[in-house]
């Protein structure tokens, strides 16, 4: 369903289980960044009313997810750690050339967001199926559904605002590029790394 060309090695969950505090901190910051991405789409493309409406709803949902993850951190007697660079996202951004039209910029941002949500969904599915901590596994199962909805929404908007044929080709090329990135990742207790 997600179209990812390289699935995460299930052994990644074993790495996560050795440091739940780290994965929760990284996850919280991912939710904050997803909120920021939705806000930036509103700010940069206010003329797209349907997009603004969808991103407004997404901001509320993503910040509520941040709170849910933060609450999990507090329930376990921890505090939210500092944000750290996301190697996955930084490398993914290299796919998109600088410049281009306003529409190209919008489509690129939507595709980038769609892929991050797709990979998050895939990772949440693994956590929901493989974590020994059943309460946390159920938590990730619920979030997995949201991520799948976000992925399809971003891809739908990219296809709506760009040329469908060009967008679909760029999406396939992006998926191939992302698979190459993923060959080096999956060795850390981070959502994407």
N, C-alpha and C. Protein backbone atom coordinates (compact mmCIF):
# COMPACT_ATOMS: atom_id res chain seq x y z
N UNK A 1 0.81 -1.20 0.00
CA UNK A 1 0.00 0.00 0.00
C UNK A 1 0.86 1.26 0.00
N UNK A 2 1.94 1.27 0.76
CA UNK A 2 2.76 2.48 0.90
C UNK A 2 3.69 2.70 -0.28
N UNK A 3 4.00 1.66 -1.01
CA UNK A 3 4.86 1.80 -2.18
C UNK A 3 6.34 1.90 -1.87
N UNK A 4 6.73 1.76 -0.61
CA UNK A 4 8.15 1.85 -0.25
C UNK A 4 8.91 0.72 -0.94
N UNK A 5 10.07 1.03 -1.46
CA UNK A 5 10.83 0.05 -2.24
C UNK A 5 11.80 -0.77 -1.40
N UNK A 6 12.05 -0.34 -0.17
CA UNK A 6 12.92 -1.12 0.72
C UNK A 6 12.30 -1.11 2.11
N UNK A 7 11.74 -2.24 2.53
CA UNK A 7 11.13 -2.28 3.87
C UNK A 7 12.19 -2.22 4.96
N UNK A 8 11.79 -1.75 6.11
CA UNK A 8 12.67 -1.71 7.27
C UNK A 8 12.96 -3.13 7.74
N UNK A 9 14.20 -3.39 8.06
CA UNK A 9 14.59 -4.67 8.64
C UNK A 9 13.90 -4.80 9.99
N UNK A 10 13.12 -5.87 10.23
CA UNK A 10 12.40 -6.01 11.50
C UNK A 10 13.31 -5.99 12.73
N UNK A 11 14.61 -6.26 12.54
CA UNK A 11 15.54 -6.23 13.67
C UNK A 11 15.71 -4.81 14.23
N UNK A 12 15.26 -3.80 13.47
CA UNK A 12 15.30 -2.42 13.96
C UNK A 12 14.54 -2.32 15.28
N UNK A 13 13.46 -3.07 15.43
CA UNK A 13 12.66 -3.03 16.67
C UNK A 13 13.51 -3.47 17.86
N UNK A 14 14.43 -4.41 17.65
CA UNK A 14 15.32 -4.84 18.74
C UNK A 14 16.19 -3.68 19.22
N UNK A 15 16.64 -2.85 18.30
CA UNK A 15 17.43 -1.66 18.65
C UNK A 15 16.57 -0.70 19.45
N UNK A 16 15.34 -0.49 18.99
CA UNK A 16 14.41 0.42 19.66
C UNK A 16 14.14 -0.04 21.09
N UNK A 17 13.92 -1.33 21.26
CA UNK A 17 13.55 -1.84 22.59
C UNK A 17 14.65 -1.64 23.62
N UNK A 18 15.87 -1.48 23.17
CA UNK A 18 16.98 -1.25 24.11
C UNK A 18 17.02 0.18 24.60
N UNK A 19 16.27 1.07 23.94
CA UNK A 19 16.26 2.47 24.37
C UNK A 19 14.93 3.14 24.02
N UNK A 20 13.89 2.77 24.74
CA UNK A 20 12.55 3.31 24.51
C UNK A 20 12.53 4.82 24.75
N UNK A 21 13.29 5.29 25.73
CA UNK A 21 13.32 6.72 26.01
C UNK A 21 13.79 7.50 24.78
N UNK A 22 14.79 6.99 24.09
CA UNK A 22 15.33 7.66 22.91
C UNK A 22 14.31 7.68 21.77
N UNK A 23 13.64 6.56 21.52
CA UNK A 23 12.67 6.53 20.42
C UNK A 23 11.50 7.46 20.71
N UNK A 24 11.06 7.52 21.96
CA UNK A 24 9.95 8.41 22.30
C UNK A 24 10.35 9.88 22.13
N UNK A 25 11.56 10.21 22.54
CA UNK A 25 12.03 11.59 22.35
C UNK A 25 12.10 11.93 20.87
N UNK A 26 12.70 11.04 20.08
CA UNK A 26 12.80 11.28 18.64
C UNK A 26 11.41 11.38 18.02
N UNK A 27 10.52 10.51 18.44
CA UNK A 27 9.15 10.53 17.91
C UNK A 27 8.45 11.84 18.25
N UNK A 28 8.59 12.31 19.47
CA UNK A 28 7.97 13.58 19.86
C UNK A 28 8.42 14.70 18.93
N UNK A 29 9.73 14.76 18.68
CA UNK A 29 10.24 15.82 17.81
C UNK A 29 9.76 15.64 16.37
N UNK A 30 9.58 14.41 15.92
CA UNK A 30 9.03 14.18 14.58
C UNK A 30 7.61 14.76 14.48
N UNK A 31 6.82 14.59 15.53
CA UNK A 31 5.46 15.13 15.54
C UNK A 31 5.49 16.67 15.51
N UNK A 32 6.44 17.24 16.24
CA UNK A 32 6.58 18.70 16.25
C UNK A 32 6.95 19.20 14.86
N UNK A 33 7.87 18.49 14.19
CA UNK A 33 8.30 18.89 12.85
C UNK A 33 7.16 18.72 11.84
N UNK A 34 6.34 17.70 12.01
CA UNK A 34 5.18 17.51 11.13
C UNK A 34 4.21 18.68 11.30
N UNK A 35 4.04 19.14 12.53
CA UNK A 35 3.21 20.31 12.80
C UNK A 35 3.77 21.52 12.08
N UNK A 36 5.07 21.71 12.19
CA UNK A 36 5.74 22.86 11.55
C UNK A 36 5.62 22.81 10.02
N UNK A 37 5.71 21.61 9.46
CA UNK A 37 5.57 21.47 8.01
C UNK A 37 4.17 21.89 7.56
N UNK A 38 3.16 21.45 8.29
CA UNK A 38 1.78 21.83 7.94
C UNK A 38 1.60 23.34 8.05
N UNK A 39 2.16 23.95 9.08
CA UNK A 39 2.06 25.41 9.23
C UNK A 39 2.77 26.11 8.08
N UNK A 40 3.94 25.61 7.70
CA UNK A 40 4.68 26.26 6.62
C UNK A 40 3.92 26.17 5.29
N UNK A 41 3.20 25.08 5.07
CA UNK A 41 2.39 24.99 3.85
C UNK A 41 1.27 26.02 3.84
N UNK A 42 0.68 26.27 5.01
CA UNK A 42 -0.35 27.31 5.12
C UNK A 42 0.25 28.68 4.81
N UNK A 43 1.40 28.96 5.41
CA UNK A 43 2.05 30.27 5.26
C UNK A 43 2.51 30.50 3.82
N UNK A 44 3.08 29.47 3.20
CA UNK A 44 3.65 29.63 1.87
C UNK A 44 2.63 29.56 0.74
N UNK A 45 1.51 28.87 0.96
CA UNK A 45 0.55 28.66 -0.12
C UNK A 45 -0.89 28.95 0.33
N UNK A 46 -1.14 30.17 0.85
CA UNK A 46 -2.46 30.49 1.40
C UNK A 46 -3.57 30.53 0.35
N UNK A 47 -3.19 30.66 -0.92
CA UNK A 47 -4.20 30.74 -1.98
C UNK A 47 -4.88 29.40 -2.26
N UNK A 48 -4.32 28.31 -1.77
CA UNK A 48 -4.90 26.98 -1.98
C UNK A 48 -5.80 26.65 -0.78
N UNK A 49 -7.05 27.08 -0.88
CA UNK A 49 -7.99 26.98 0.24
C UNK A 49 -8.16 25.56 0.76
N UNK A 50 -8.31 24.60 -0.14
CA UNK A 50 -8.49 23.21 0.30
C UNK A 50 -7.27 22.73 1.07
N UNK A 51 -6.08 23.09 0.59
CA UNK A 51 -4.84 22.72 1.28
C UNK A 51 -4.76 23.39 2.65
N UNK A 52 -5.10 24.67 2.72
CA UNK A 52 -5.08 25.40 3.99
C UNK A 52 -6.01 24.74 5.00
N UNK A 53 -7.21 24.37 4.54
CA UNK A 53 -8.17 23.71 5.44
C UNK A 53 -7.61 22.38 5.96
N UNK A 54 -7.05 21.59 5.04
CA UNK A 54 -6.50 20.29 5.42
C UNK A 54 -5.31 20.44 6.36
N UNK A 55 -4.45 21.43 6.08
CA UNK A 55 -3.27 21.63 6.92
C UNK A 55 -3.64 22.18 8.30
N UNK A 56 -4.71 22.96 8.36
CA UNK A 56 -5.17 23.46 9.67
C UNK A 56 -5.61 22.28 10.54
N UNK A 57 -6.34 21.36 9.95
CA UNK A 57 -6.76 20.16 10.69
C UNK A 57 -5.53 19.32 11.06
N UNK A 58 -4.57 19.24 10.15
CA UNK A 58 -3.37 18.44 10.40
C UNK A 58 -2.54 19.02 11.54
N UNK A 59 -2.44 20.35 11.60
CA UNK A 59 -1.70 20.99 12.70
C UNK A 59 -2.28 20.54 14.04
N UNK A 60 -3.60 20.57 14.15
CA UNK A 60 -4.25 20.16 15.40
C UNK A 60 -3.94 18.70 15.72
N UNK A 61 -4.01 17.85 14.70
CA UNK A 61 -3.78 16.43 14.92
C UNK A 61 -2.33 16.15 15.29
N UNK A 62 -1.39 16.75 14.56
CA UNK A 62 0.03 16.48 14.82
C UNK A 62 0.46 17.01 16.20
N UNK A 63 -0.04 18.17 16.59
CA UNK A 63 0.35 18.69 17.92
C UNK A 63 -0.29 17.85 19.02
N UNK A 64 -1.47 17.27 18.73
CA UNK A 64 -2.06 16.37 19.72
C UNK A 64 -1.23 15.09 19.82
N UNK A 65 -0.66 14.63 18.70
CA UNK A 65 0.23 13.47 18.74
C UNK A 65 1.50 13.80 19.53
N UNK A 66 2.02 15.01 19.34
CA UNK A 66 3.18 15.42 20.13
C UNK A 66 2.85 15.31 21.62
N UNK A 67 1.68 15.82 22.01
CA UNK A 67 1.30 15.76 23.42
C UNK A 67 1.16 14.32 23.89
N UNK A 68 0.58 13.46 23.06
CA UNK A 68 0.42 12.05 23.44
C UNK A 68 1.78 11.40 23.68
N UNK A 69 2.74 11.67 22.80
CA UNK A 69 4.07 11.08 22.97
C UNK A 69 4.75 11.68 24.19
N UNK A 70 4.61 13.00 24.35
CA UNK A 70 5.20 13.65 25.52
C UNK A 70 4.61 13.07 26.81
N UNK A 71 3.32 12.83 26.81
CA UNK A 71 2.68 12.22 27.99
C UNK A 71 3.27 10.83 28.27
N UNK A 72 3.54 10.05 27.21
CA UNK A 72 4.16 8.73 27.40
C UNK A 72 5.54 8.87 28.05
N UNK A 73 6.28 9.89 27.63
CA UNK A 73 7.61 10.14 28.21
C UNK A 73 7.46 10.46 29.70
N UNK A 74 6.52 11.34 30.03
CA UNK A 74 6.32 11.74 31.43
C UNK A 74 5.82 10.58 32.28
N UNK A 75 4.91 9.76 31.72
CA UNK A 75 4.38 8.60 32.46
C UNK A 75 5.50 7.65 32.88
N UNK A 76 6.56 7.62 32.10
CA UNK A 76 7.67 6.71 32.39
C UNK A 76 8.74 7.37 33.26
N UNK A 77 8.47 8.59 33.73
CA UNK A 77 9.40 9.26 34.63
C UNK A 77 10.57 9.94 33.94
N UNK A 78 10.43 10.17 32.63
CA UNK A 78 11.50 10.81 31.87
C UNK A 78 11.11 12.24 31.53
N UNK A 79 12.04 12.97 30.92
CA UNK A 79 11.75 14.30 30.39
C UNK A 79 12.10 14.29 28.91
N UNK A 80 11.48 15.18 28.17
CA UNK A 80 11.75 15.28 26.73
C UNK A 80 13.19 15.71 26.51
N UNK A 81 13.92 14.90 25.77
CA UNK A 81 15.30 15.24 25.44
C UNK A 81 15.35 16.31 24.35
N UNK A 82 16.53 16.76 24.08
CA UNK A 82 16.72 17.79 23.06
C UNK A 82 16.51 17.23 21.66
N UNK A 83 16.13 18.11 20.76
CA UNK A 83 15.97 17.72 19.37
C UNK A 83 17.35 17.41 18.79
N UNK A 84 17.38 16.51 17.84
CA UNK A 84 18.63 16.20 17.16
C UNK A 84 18.38 16.18 15.66
N UNK A 85 19.46 16.29 14.89
CA UNK A 85 19.32 16.29 13.44
C UNK A 85 18.75 14.95 12.98
N UNK A 86 17.92 15.00 11.97
CA UNK A 86 17.33 13.80 11.39
C UNK A 86 18.07 13.51 10.08
N UNK A 87 19.00 12.56 10.14
CA UNK A 87 19.82 12.23 8.97
C UNK A 87 18.96 11.81 7.78
N UNK A 88 17.90 11.07 8.05
CA UNK A 88 16.99 10.61 6.99
C UNK A 88 16.40 11.80 6.24
N UNK A 89 15.84 12.74 6.97
CA UNK A 89 15.20 13.90 6.35
C UNK A 89 16.22 14.75 5.61
N UNK A 90 17.38 14.97 6.22
CA UNK A 90 18.43 15.77 5.57
C UNK A 90 18.87 15.14 4.25
N UNK A 91 19.01 13.84 4.23
CA UNK A 91 19.41 13.16 3.00
C UNK A 91 18.28 13.14 1.98
N UNK A 92 17.06 13.00 2.43
CA UNK A 92 15.90 13.00 1.55
C UNK A 92 15.78 14.34 0.81
N UNK A 93 16.07 15.42 1.50
CA UNK A 93 15.96 16.76 0.91
C UNK A 93 16.92 16.94 -0.27
N UNK A 94 17.99 16.17 -0.31
CA UNK A 94 18.95 16.29 -1.40
C UNK A 94 18.37 15.86 -2.75
N UNK A 95 17.26 15.15 -2.72
CA UNK A 95 16.62 14.70 -3.96
C UNK A 95 16.08 15.88 -4.77
N UNK A 96 15.62 16.91 -4.07
CA UNK A 96 14.94 18.02 -4.73
C UNK A 96 15.91 19.12 -5.11
N UNK A 97 15.97 19.47 -6.38
CA UNK A 97 16.88 20.56 -6.79
C UNK A 97 16.37 21.90 -6.26
N UNK A 98 17.28 22.82 -6.07
CA UNK A 98 16.90 24.18 -5.63
C UNK A 98 16.25 24.90 -6.81
N UNK A 99 15.43 25.89 -6.48
CA UNK A 99 14.80 26.70 -7.51
C UNK A 99 13.55 26.05 -8.06
N UNK A 100 13.13 26.53 -9.22
CA UNK A 100 11.92 26.01 -9.84
C UNK A 100 10.73 26.92 -9.56
N UNK A 101 9.63 26.60 -10.19
CA UNK A 101 8.42 27.42 -10.06
C UNK A 101 7.79 27.23 -8.68
N UNK A 102 6.86 28.10 -8.40
CA UNK A 102 6.10 28.01 -7.14
C UNK A 102 5.35 26.68 -7.07
N UNK A 103 4.78 26.25 -8.17
CA UNK A 103 4.05 24.98 -8.21
C UNK A 103 5.01 23.81 -7.98
N UNK A 104 6.19 23.86 -8.60
CA UNK A 104 7.18 22.80 -8.40
C UNK A 104 7.58 22.73 -6.94
N UNK A 105 7.79 23.87 -6.32
CA UNK A 105 8.15 23.92 -4.90
C UNK A 105 7.05 23.28 -4.04
N UNK A 106 5.79 23.61 -4.35
CA UNK A 106 4.67 23.05 -3.61
C UNK A 106 4.60 21.54 -3.78
N UNK A 107 4.69 21.07 -5.01
CA UNK A 107 4.62 19.63 -5.28
C UNK A 107 5.76 18.90 -4.57
N UNK A 108 6.96 19.47 -4.65
CA UNK A 108 8.11 18.83 -3.99
C UNK A 108 7.89 18.72 -2.49
N UNK A 109 7.38 19.78 -1.90
CA UNK A 109 7.15 19.77 -0.45
C UNK A 109 6.08 18.74 -0.08
N UNK A 110 5.05 18.62 -0.91
CA UNK A 110 4.00 17.64 -0.65
C UNK A 110 4.51 16.20 -0.80
N UNK A 111 5.35 15.96 -1.80
CA UNK A 111 5.91 14.62 -2.00
C UNK A 111 6.85 14.25 -0.86
N UNK A 112 7.65 15.20 -0.46
CA UNK A 112 8.58 14.99 0.66
C UNK A 112 7.79 14.64 1.92
N UNK A 113 6.72 15.38 2.18
CA UNK A 113 5.88 15.11 3.36
C UNK A 113 5.20 13.75 3.24
N UNK A 114 4.72 13.42 2.05
CA UNK A 114 4.06 12.12 1.84
C UNK A 114 5.01 10.97 2.14
N UNK A 115 6.24 11.08 1.69
CA UNK A 115 7.19 9.99 1.90
C UNK A 115 7.57 9.85 3.38
N UNK A 116 7.76 10.96 4.06
CA UNK A 116 8.07 10.89 5.49
C UNK A 116 6.92 10.22 6.24
N UNK A 117 5.69 10.58 5.89
CA UNK A 117 4.53 9.96 6.54
C UNK A 117 4.44 8.47 6.20
N UNK A 118 4.75 8.11 4.97
CA UNK A 118 4.71 6.69 4.57
C UNK A 118 5.74 5.88 5.36
N UNK A 119 6.95 6.40 5.48
CA UNK A 119 7.99 5.68 6.22
C UNK A 119 7.63 5.62 7.69
N UNK A 120 7.08 6.70 8.24
CA UNK A 120 6.65 6.67 9.64
C UNK A 120 5.57 5.62 9.85
N UNK A 121 4.62 5.55 8.93
CA UNK A 121 3.55 4.56 9.02
C UNK A 121 4.13 3.15 9.03
N UNK A 122 5.08 2.91 8.14
CA UNK A 122 5.70 1.59 8.06
C UNK A 122 6.43 1.25 9.36
N UNK A 123 7.13 2.22 9.92
CA UNK A 123 7.86 2.00 11.17
C UNK A 123 6.88 1.79 12.33
N UNK A 124 5.80 2.56 12.36
CA UNK A 124 4.81 2.39 13.43
C UNK A 124 4.16 1.01 13.35
N UNK A 125 3.93 0.51 12.13
CA UNK A 125 3.38 -0.83 11.97
C UNK A 125 4.32 -1.87 12.59
N UNK A 126 5.59 -1.74 12.30
CA UNK A 126 6.57 -2.66 12.89
C UNK A 126 6.55 -2.60 14.41
N UNK A 127 6.53 -1.39 14.95
CA UNK A 127 6.49 -1.23 16.40
C UNK A 127 5.22 -1.84 16.98
N UNK A 128 4.11 -1.65 16.30
CA UNK A 128 2.83 -2.17 16.81
C UNK A 128 2.81 -3.70 16.80
N UNK A 129 3.52 -4.31 15.87
CA UNK A 129 3.52 -5.77 15.75
C UNK A 129 4.63 -6.45 16.55
N UNK A 130 5.74 -5.76 16.79
CA UNK A 130 6.91 -6.43 17.33
C UNK A 130 7.33 -6.02 18.74
N UNK A 131 6.88 -4.86 19.21
CA UNK A 131 7.30 -4.41 20.55
C UNK A 131 6.79 -5.37 21.62
N UNK A 132 7.62 -5.67 22.58
CA UNK A 132 7.23 -6.51 23.72
C UNK A 132 6.30 -5.75 24.66
N UNK A 133 6.49 -4.44 24.74
CA UNK A 133 5.66 -3.56 25.57
C UNK A 133 4.31 -3.41 24.87
N UNK A 134 3.31 -4.17 25.32
CA UNK A 134 2.02 -4.23 24.63
C UNK A 134 1.27 -2.91 24.64
N UNK A 135 1.40 -2.14 25.73
CA UNK A 135 0.74 -0.84 25.80
C UNK A 135 1.32 0.09 24.74
N UNK A 136 2.64 0.09 24.59
CA UNK A 136 3.29 0.92 23.58
C UNK A 136 2.99 0.40 22.17
N UNK A 137 2.91 -0.90 22.02
CA UNK A 137 2.56 -1.49 20.72
C UNK A 137 1.18 -1.02 20.27
N UNK A 138 0.21 -1.00 21.18
CA UNK A 138 -1.14 -0.53 20.86
C UNK A 138 -1.14 0.96 20.52
N UNK A 139 -0.35 1.72 21.25
CA UNK A 139 -0.19 3.16 21.00
C UNK A 139 0.27 3.38 19.56
N UNK A 140 1.27 2.61 19.12
CA UNK A 140 1.79 2.77 17.77
C UNK A 140 0.82 2.24 16.71
N UNK A 141 0.01 1.27 17.04
CA UNK A 141 -0.99 0.78 16.08
C UNK A 141 -1.98 1.90 15.75
N UNK A 142 -2.41 2.63 16.78
CA UNK A 142 -3.37 3.73 16.56
C UNK A 142 -2.73 4.85 15.72
N UNK A 143 -1.49 5.17 16.01
CA UNK A 143 -0.82 6.24 15.27
C UNK A 143 -0.54 5.83 13.82
N UNK A 144 -0.33 4.54 13.59
CA UNK A 144 -0.06 4.04 12.24
C UNK A 144 -1.20 4.40 11.28
N UNK A 145 -2.42 4.31 11.74
CA UNK A 145 -3.59 4.62 10.91
C UNK A 145 -3.57 6.10 10.50
N UNK A 146 -3.25 6.97 11.44
CA UNK A 146 -3.16 8.41 11.13
C UNK A 146 -2.10 8.68 10.08
N UNK A 147 -0.93 8.06 10.25
CA UNK A 147 0.17 8.30 9.32
C UNK A 147 -0.22 7.87 7.90
N UNK A 148 -0.93 6.77 7.78
CA UNK A 148 -1.36 6.30 6.46
C UNK A 148 -2.30 7.32 5.82
N UNK A 149 -3.20 7.88 6.60
CA UNK A 149 -4.11 8.91 6.09
C UNK A 149 -3.34 10.16 5.66
N UNK A 150 -2.32 10.54 6.40
CA UNK A 150 -1.53 11.72 6.06
C UNK A 150 -0.78 11.49 4.75
N UNK A 151 -0.19 10.32 4.62
CA UNK A 151 0.57 9.98 3.41
C UNK A 151 -0.32 10.11 2.17
N UNK A 152 -1.51 9.52 2.22
CA UNK A 152 -2.40 9.57 1.05
C UNK A 152 -2.89 10.99 0.78
N UNK A 153 -3.11 11.77 1.84
CA UNK A 153 -3.55 13.15 1.66
C UNK A 153 -2.48 13.99 0.95
N UNK A 154 -1.24 13.89 1.40
CA UNK A 154 -0.17 14.67 0.77
C UNK A 154 0.03 14.26 -0.69
N UNK A 155 -0.02 12.97 -0.97
CA UNK A 155 0.15 12.50 -2.33
C UNK A 155 -1.02 12.96 -3.22
N UNK A 156 -2.22 12.95 -2.67
CA UNK A 156 -3.40 13.43 -3.42
C UNK A 156 -3.23 14.91 -3.79
N UNK A 157 -2.80 15.72 -2.84
CA UNK A 157 -2.61 17.14 -3.13
C UNK A 157 -1.50 17.36 -4.16
N UNK A 158 -0.41 16.60 -4.08
CA UNK A 158 0.67 16.74 -5.07
C UNK A 158 0.14 16.46 -6.47
N UNK A 159 -0.67 15.41 -6.58
CA UNK A 159 -1.23 15.05 -7.89
C UNK A 159 -2.26 16.08 -8.37
N UNK A 160 -2.93 16.70 -7.44
CA UNK A 160 -3.94 17.70 -7.77
C UNK A 160 -3.30 19.01 -8.25
N UNK A 161 -2.23 19.43 -7.61
CA UNK A 161 -1.61 20.72 -7.92
C UNK A 161 -0.55 20.63 -9.01
N UNK A 162 -0.01 19.45 -9.24
CA UNK A 162 0.99 19.28 -10.29
C UNK A 162 0.42 18.50 -11.45
N UNK A 163 1.21 18.34 -12.49
CA UNK A 163 0.84 17.51 -13.62
C UNK A 163 0.91 16.05 -13.15
N UNK A 164 -0.20 15.33 -13.25
CA UNK A 164 -0.31 13.99 -12.67
C UNK A 164 0.81 13.06 -13.16
N UNK A 165 1.05 13.06 -14.46
CA UNK A 165 2.07 12.17 -15.02
C UNK A 165 3.46 12.51 -14.47
N UNK A 166 3.79 13.79 -14.44
CA UNK A 166 5.09 14.24 -13.92
C UNK A 166 5.21 13.94 -12.42
N UNK A 167 4.14 14.17 -11.70
CA UNK A 167 4.15 13.92 -10.25
C UNK A 167 4.36 12.44 -9.98
N UNK A 168 3.66 11.57 -10.70
CA UNK A 168 3.81 10.13 -10.49
C UNK A 168 5.22 9.66 -10.81
N UNK A 169 5.83 10.22 -11.86
CA UNK A 169 7.22 9.86 -12.19
C UNK A 169 8.17 10.33 -11.09
N UNK A 170 7.98 11.56 -10.65
CA UNK A 170 8.84 12.09 -9.59
C UNK A 170 8.67 11.28 -8.31
N UNK A 171 7.45 10.85 -8.02
CA UNK A 171 7.18 10.04 -6.82
C UNK A 171 7.94 8.72 -6.90
N UNK A 172 7.88 8.06 -8.06
CA UNK A 172 8.61 6.79 -8.22
C UNK A 172 10.12 7.00 -8.10
N UNK A 173 10.62 8.08 -8.68
CA UNK A 173 12.05 8.39 -8.57
C UNK A 173 12.43 8.68 -7.11
N UNK A 174 11.57 9.38 -6.41
CA UNK A 174 11.81 9.68 -5.00
C UNK A 174 11.82 8.40 -4.17
N UNK A 175 10.91 7.48 -4.45
CA UNK A 175 10.87 6.20 -3.73
C UNK A 175 12.17 5.41 -3.95
N UNK A 176 12.68 5.44 -5.18
CA UNK A 176 13.94 4.75 -5.49
C UNK A 176 15.09 5.41 -4.73
N UNK A 177 15.13 6.73 -4.72
CA UNK A 177 16.16 7.49 -4.01
C UNK A 177 16.10 7.17 -2.51
N UNK A 178 14.90 7.14 -1.97
CA UNK A 178 14.71 6.86 -0.54
C UNK A 178 15.17 5.45 -0.19
N UNK A 179 14.96 4.50 -1.07
CA UNK A 179 15.40 3.12 -0.82
C UNK A 179 16.92 3.06 -0.68
N UNK A 180 17.62 3.85 -1.48
CA UNK A 180 19.09 3.90 -1.38
C UNK A 180 19.51 4.48 -0.03
N UNK A 181 18.81 5.52 0.42
CA UNK A 181 19.10 6.11 1.73
C UNK A 181 18.89 5.07 2.83
N UNK A 182 17.81 4.33 2.72
CA UNK A 182 17.44 3.38 3.77
C UNK A 182 18.44 2.23 3.91
N UNK A 183 19.23 1.97 2.87
CA UNK A 183 20.24 0.92 2.97
C UNK A 183 21.26 1.22 4.06
N UNK A 184 21.48 2.51 4.33
CA UNK A 184 22.46 2.93 5.34
C UNK A 184 21.83 3.17 6.71
N UNK A 185 20.50 3.15 6.77
CA UNK A 185 19.82 3.50 8.02
C UNK A 185 19.18 2.26 8.65
N UNK A 186 18.47 2.47 9.77
CA UNK A 186 17.81 1.37 10.45
C UNK A 186 18.67 0.75 11.53
N UNK A 187 19.69 1.51 11.94
CA UNK A 187 20.61 1.01 12.95
C UNK A 187 20.56 1.84 14.24
N UNK A 188 19.61 2.78 14.30
CA UNK A 188 19.50 3.65 15.47
C UNK A 188 18.08 3.61 16.00
N UNK A 189 17.93 3.99 17.27
CA UNK A 189 16.61 4.04 17.90
C UNK A 189 15.96 5.39 17.61
N UNK A 190 15.76 5.64 16.31
CA UNK A 190 15.06 6.84 15.85
C UNK A 190 13.96 6.39 14.89
N UNK A 191 12.95 7.24 14.73
CA UNK A 191 11.81 6.88 13.88
C UNK A 191 12.24 6.62 12.44
N UNK A 192 13.14 7.44 11.91
CA UNK A 192 13.52 7.27 10.51
C UNK A 192 14.93 6.72 10.33
N UNK A 193 15.77 6.81 11.34
CA UNK A 193 17.20 6.47 11.17
C UNK A 193 17.52 5.01 11.30
